[in-house]
Amino acid sequence: MNKEELTTLLTHRFEGKEIGESFGLPALTVDKEELLNTARLLKKDEALGFNQLVCETVTDRTDYFELVCHLRAVGKGYEMILKTQVGREATPLLPSLYELWQAAELFEDEIYDLFGIRFENHPNLRRLFLDEDFEGYPLRKDFVNTLDL
């Protein structure tokens, strides 16, 4: 399936949802409340079959955080991006994708450590690079590095 065919299929499966392009791949943007069910459908639907989470990361967009998931259908030869947004509230929370792709465990640990976003139903959310007593989240645009002051 080529990129255009995949985009058409996604448009039919997710009618009314934003389908665009990101990193040269079809990109589906959903509300955070729909993230887990959408991801489940992307994995379980035989025509789609996205059986690998290649990468899960976050971009700080100043007003909100954007979760970006790079998915691959191994053996079928196509890829896509799944996105959602979460606000900058005191403790941002998203559903974990761990139950679908165990690779999400380390990706979500890294996101928590560097952005402070928590993942509901994550098996063991922990800081990965920074000490437990480190204050702040260094990849946030509003992070102030007090060590340089």
Foldseek 3Di string as FASTA:
>chain_A
DDQVVVLVVCCVVPPPWDWDDDPNHIETEDELVCVQVVVVCQCPVPVRNQQDFPAWAWDAPPQWIKIWTWTDRPPPPGIYIYIYIWGPPPATEGAQNCVRHVVSQVRQLPRCQQPVHYHPPRPDRYHDPDDPPDDDHNNHPPDDDPVVD
